[in-house]
């Protein structure tokens, strides 16, 4: 969940970035790290990558609903 939160934060930082190119690259890099972690976790657990991704995104992006 930390990687998804980092990806969301990096994406949100684009709007106010002093260096948009660096901010965009940070957003891409954190999103890629999240996707790699999701894929690895799903493979280890034998579950759907999409199900893992959606569960994490729901928990991070809608934390007030989940808890």
N, C-alpha and C. Protein backbone atom coordinates (compact mmCIF):
# COMPACT_ATOMS: atom_id res chain seq x y z
N UNK A 1 0.82 -1.19 0.00
CA UNK A 1 0.00 0.00 0.00
C UNK A 1 0.86 1.26 0.00
N UNK A 2 2.06 1.15 0.56
CA UNK A 2 2.94 2.31 0.58
C UNK A 2 3.34 2.74 -0.83
N UNK A 3 3.58 1.77 -1.71
CA UNK A 3 3.94 2.12 -3.09
C UNK A 3 2.79 2.81 -3.81
N UNK A 4 1.58 2.36 -3.61
CA UNK A 4 0.43 3.01 -4.24
C UNK A 4 0.26 4.41 -3.69
N UNK A 5 0.42 4.58 -2.37
CA UNK A 5 0.30 5.91 -1.79
C UNK A 5 1.38 6.83 -2.35
N UNK A 6 2.59 6.30 -2.52
CA UNK A 6 3.68 7.10 -3.10
C UNK A 6 3.35 7.48 -4.54
N UNK A 7 2.75 6.57 -5.29
CA UNK A 7 2.37 6.87 -6.67
C UNK A 7 1.29 7.94 -6.72
N UNK A 8 0.32 7.85 -5.85
CA UNK A 8 -0.75 8.86 -5.79
C UNK A 8 -0.16 10.21 -5.41
N UNK A 9 0.71 10.22 -4.41
CA UNK A 9 1.34 11.47 -3.98
C UNK A 9 2.17 12.09 -5.10
N UNK A 10 2.93 11.26 -5.81
CA UNK A 10 3.75 11.76 -6.91
C UNK A 10 2.88 12.34 -8.02
N UNK A 11 1.79 11.67 -8.31
CA UNK A 11 0.87 12.17 -9.34
C UNK A 11 0.27 13.51 -8.91
N UNK A 12 -0.13 13.60 -7.66
CA UNK A 12 -0.72 14.84 -7.16
C UNK A 12 0.28 16.00 -7.15
N UNK A 13 1.56 15.69 -6.99
CA UNK A 13 2.60 16.71 -6.96
C UNK A 13 2.84 17.35 -8.32
N UNK A 14 2.37 16.72 -9.38
CA UNK A 14 2.56 17.26 -10.72
C UNK A 14 1.98 18.67 -10.87
N UNK A 15 0.87 18.92 -10.24
CA UNK A 15 0.17 20.19 -10.39
C UNK A 15 0.97 21.38 -9.87
N UNK A 16 1.80 21.15 -8.87
CA UNK A 16 2.53 22.25 -8.24
C UNK A 16 4.04 22.12 -8.37
N UNK A 17 4.50 21.25 -9.23
CA UNK A 17 5.93 20.97 -9.33
C UNK A 17 6.69 22.14 -9.95
N UNK A 18 7.84 22.45 -9.36
CA UNK A 18 8.74 23.45 -9.94
C UNK A 18 9.42 22.89 -11.19
N UNK A 19 9.63 21.59 -11.20
CA UNK A 19 10.28 20.91 -12.32
C UNK A 19 9.31 19.83 -12.81
N UNK A 20 8.41 20.18 -13.73
CA UNK A 20 7.40 19.22 -14.18
C UNK A 20 7.97 17.94 -14.78
N UNK A 21 9.08 18.03 -15.49
CA UNK A 21 9.67 16.83 -16.09
C UNK A 21 10.14 15.86 -15.02
N UNK A 22 10.77 16.37 -13.99
CA UNK A 22 11.24 15.51 -12.89
C UNK A 22 10.05 14.94 -12.12
N UNK A 23 9.04 15.75 -11.91
CA UNK A 23 7.85 15.28 -11.19
C UNK A 23 7.13 14.21 -12.00
N UNK A 24 7.05 14.40 -13.30
CA UNK A 24 6.40 13.42 -14.16
C UNK A 24 7.17 12.10 -14.13
N UNK A 25 8.50 12.18 -14.17
CA UNK A 25 9.32 10.97 -14.12
C UNK A 25 9.15 10.26 -12.78
N UNK A 26 9.07 11.03 -11.70
CA UNK A 26 8.86 10.43 -10.38
C UNK A 26 7.52 9.71 -10.33
N UNK A 27 6.49 10.31 -10.93
CA UNK A 27 5.17 9.69 -10.95
C UNK A 27 5.20 8.38 -11.75
N UNK A 28 5.87 8.40 -12.89
CA UNK A 28 5.98 7.21 -13.72
C UNK A 28 6.76 6.12 -12.98
N UNK A 29 7.86 6.50 -12.36
CA UNK A 29 8.70 5.52 -11.65
C UNK A 29 7.97 4.88 -10.47
N UNK A 30 7.25 5.67 -9.70
CA UNK A 30 6.54 5.10 -8.55
C UNK A 30 5.37 4.23 -9.00
N UNK A 31 4.70 4.64 -10.06
CA UNK A 31 3.61 3.81 -10.59
C UNK A 31 4.14 2.48 -11.11
N UNK A 32 5.29 2.52 -11.78
CA UNK A 32 5.90 1.29 -12.29
C UNK A 32 6.32 0.37 -11.14
N UNK A 33 6.86 0.94 -10.08
CA UNK A 33 7.25 0.14 -8.92
C UNK A 33 6.03 -0.52 -8.30
N UNK A 34 4.94 0.22 -8.20
CA UNK A 34 3.69 -0.33 -7.67
C UNK A 34 3.21 -1.48 -8.54
N UNK A 35 3.17 -1.29 -9.84
CA UNK A 35 2.71 -2.34 -10.75
C UNK A 35 3.57 -3.60 -10.64
N UNK A 36 4.88 -3.42 -10.54
CA UNK A 36 5.78 -4.57 -10.41
C UNK A 36 5.50 -5.32 -9.10
N UNK A 37 5.29 -4.58 -8.03
CA UNK A 37 5.02 -5.21 -6.74
C UNK A 37 3.68 -5.95 -6.76
N UNK A 38 2.69 -5.38 -7.39
CA UNK A 38 1.38 -6.03 -7.51
C UNK A 38 1.51 -7.34 -8.28
N UNK A 39 2.20 -7.28 -9.40
CA UNK A 39 2.39 -8.47 -10.23
C UNK A 39 3.11 -9.57 -9.46
N UNK A 40 4.16 -9.20 -8.74
CA UNK A 40 4.93 -10.17 -7.96
C UNK A 40 4.07 -10.77 -6.84
N UNK A 41 3.34 -9.94 -6.13
CA UNK A 41 2.50 -10.43 -5.03
C UNK A 41 1.42 -11.38 -5.55
N UNK A 42 0.78 -10.99 -6.63
CA UNK A 42 -0.28 -11.84 -7.19
C UNK A 42 0.27 -13.19 -7.63
N UNK A 43 1.44 -13.18 -8.24
CA UNK A 43 2.06 -14.44 -8.68
C UNK A 43 2.40 -15.32 -7.48
N UNK A 44 2.93 -14.71 -6.42
CA UNK A 44 3.29 -15.46 -5.21
C UNK A 44 2.06 -16.08 -4.55
N UNK A 45 0.96 -15.35 -4.55
CA UNK A 45 -0.26 -15.81 -3.88
C UNK A 45 -1.17 -16.62 -4.80
N UNK A 46 -0.87 -16.61 -6.10
CA UNK A 46 -1.72 -17.33 -7.04
C UNK A 46 -3.08 -16.68 -7.24
N UNK A 47 -3.11 -15.36 -7.12
CA UNK A 47 -4.35 -14.62 -7.27
C UNK A 47 -4.28 -13.72 -8.50
N UNK A 48 -5.40 -13.13 -8.83
CA UNK A 48 -5.49 -12.22 -9.96
C UNK A 48 -4.74 -10.92 -9.67
N UNK A 49 -3.89 -10.51 -10.59
CA UNK A 49 -3.16 -9.26 -10.45
C UNK A 49 -4.14 -8.08 -10.38
N UNK A 50 -5.17 -8.14 -11.18
CA UNK A 50 -6.16 -7.06 -11.20
C UNK A 50 -6.88 -6.97 -9.86
N UNK A 51 -7.23 -8.12 -9.27
CA UNK A 51 -7.90 -8.11 -7.97
C UNK A 51 -7.00 -7.50 -6.90
N UNK A 52 -5.72 -7.85 -6.92
CA UNK A 52 -4.77 -7.29 -5.95
C UNK A 52 -4.67 -5.78 -6.15
N UNK A 53 -4.50 -5.36 -7.39
CA UNK A 53 -4.36 -3.93 -7.68
C UNK A 53 -5.60 -3.15 -7.23
N UNK A 54 -6.77 -3.65 -7.56
CA UNK A 54 -7.99 -2.93 -7.19
C UNK A 54 -8.18 -2.86 -5.68
N UNK A 55 -7.83 -3.94 -4.98
CA UNK A 55 -7.97 -3.94 -3.52
C UNK A 55 -7.05 -2.91 -2.89
N UNK A 56 -5.82 -2.84 -3.37
CA UNK A 56 -4.86 -1.87 -2.82
C UNK A 56 -5.31 -0.45 -3.15
N UNK A 57 -5.68 -0.21 -4.40
CA UNK A 57 -6.11 1.13 -4.78
C UNK A 57 -7.34 1.57 -3.98
N UNK A 58 -8.27 0.66 -3.77
CA UNK A 58 -9.45 1.00 -2.98
C UNK A 58 -9.06 1.37 -1.56
N UNK A 59 -8.15 0.59 -0.98
CA UNK A 59 -7.72 0.85 0.40
C UNK A 59 -7.00 2.18 0.51
N UNK A 60 -6.19 2.52 -0.47
CA UNK A 60 -5.41 3.76 -0.41
C UNK A 60 -6.26 4.96 -0.78
N UNK A 61 -6.98 4.87 -1.86
CA UNK A 61 -7.69 6.02 -2.39
C UNK A 61 -9.02 6.29 -1.69
N UNK A 62 -9.54 5.29 -1.01
CA UNK A 62 -10.82 5.44 -0.34
C UNK A 62 -10.71 5.00 1.11
N UNK A 63 -9.63 5.40 1.75
CA UNK A 63 -9.36 4.97 3.12
C UNK A 63 -10.47 5.36 4.08
N UNK A 64 -11.10 6.48 3.85
CA UNK A 64 -12.16 6.91 4.75
C UNK A 64 -13.37 6.00 4.67
N UNK A 65 -13.57 5.34 3.54
CA UNK A 65 -14.68 4.40 3.39
C UNK A 65 -14.32 3.06 4.03
N UNK A 66 -13.06 2.64 3.84
CA UNK A 66 -12.61 1.35 4.33
C UNK A 66 -12.46 1.32 5.84
N UNK A 67 -12.18 2.43 6.45
CA UNK A 67 -11.95 2.33 7.86
C UNK A 67 -12.33 3.53 8.59
